[in-house]
Structures are given as C-alpha cells and as structure tokens.
C-alpha cells in the first residue's frame, strides 16, 4: 500500500517515512499542500498523512480541496495541534482520523492500516480469500495450514489483490502499491512478483491474468 506524507519538517517527514517503510508501506514525501494536490491528481495513493501547519495552503485547505474535488482518499491528520477546535474542524472538513504529535510509530502504522481497511470495506486485520488467510497487521499469510514466506514486495502485491479480491487490479495500480518515487522498478517487475505468488499460493487460490486489464484474485472454487 502506498502513502503520501505531506509534512514540511524534513526530519519529522523522514522519521515517518522510515517507520512506515519498515511497517511495509511504500511512502512518498511532499512539503506543501500545492505539491500534494498536484501529485494526488496524477498518481494513486491509498492514504495521505497531512500536517496542518504547512507553508502556503495549510492542511485544512488541502482536505477541503480534496473533498470538494470528490476525492475519497483516506486522510489522517498528523499534527502538533491538540486543540479540540482543530480536531473538530479537520474531521468536519472530511479528514478520516486525527493523530497528535508526538506519537509512537507502531500506533501510526496501525491507524494507517485501519484507514486503508475501512476504505476497502475490510473490517478486520485478518482476512481470507478461499484457503488464503492473511494477518494484515502481522504481515503473515498461510494457505490452509501452510505458512508462506513472502518478500516485502510480494506481500504488497498480494495485500493489494486481496483487499480487492474479485476485482481486476491493473498492473499500474499494483506497481504504485509497491513502489515510491525513489524506487527504480518497472511495470515488468509486477509480472515477476505475480509469477512468484502463483508458485507460493498453489492451486487452491486463483491468481488470474485478465488480458489487457490486470490481475484478479479469486477463491479457486468460484
């Protein structure tokens, strides 16, 4: 899953990036609402973490613009402002959650996972597709009683497909789920990860290629 962090303090932004990458996310950093708004119109992100005290347009204004444009992107406000009025204003404008600095990185990662699950209508950190069972918080997967070992990017591809099980997920969408702007990776890499996943999942879970469109994860019995 891919997260955009909108934070003008470089040290704070880098600490958030490192913590979230360690938790399994692909992360990009931007320092202004204007740059974030432009990026969000051009690329897919699963979540935005937004500071309120940004240069130029502030975090409130960024949320306002996103919701006015019809964007349903989950937004987590991450700020040092702890006043009730700021919380209420952010949530009323359309933010999905509010976290006050300083915070523990495990809590930040857990809130990110929860917001992404909510956006994909997955109510729990554990989920299944047929014989495939996944623990999204623990980043573990098994097929039946067999644990399967996955690299970080294999997990990211499988997680994206599982969260959209039964739907066709495009190759570009999968690429953006596993790579940030700093990663040197091509669309052909997605085919490699899908091929590896097929070998690890076996025959009880169907990872189909929908020619010209992308990939689809289904219960093999359906």
Foldseek 3Di string as FASTA:
>chain_A
DEEEEAAQPVVVVVVLCVLLVVQLFAYDYHHALVVVVVVVVPADGQEYEAEQPGPDHGRLVSLLVCVVVVHPRAYEYEYQDDDPVVVVSSVVSPHDYYHHPPDDSLVVNVVSVCRSLVVLVNHAQWDDFQQWIARNRVLWIARNPGTFDDDSLLSQLVVVQRSVAPDFDALRNSVNRRYDPPDDDDSVVSVVSLVVVCVRNDQQWDWDADPPGHIHIHGNVD
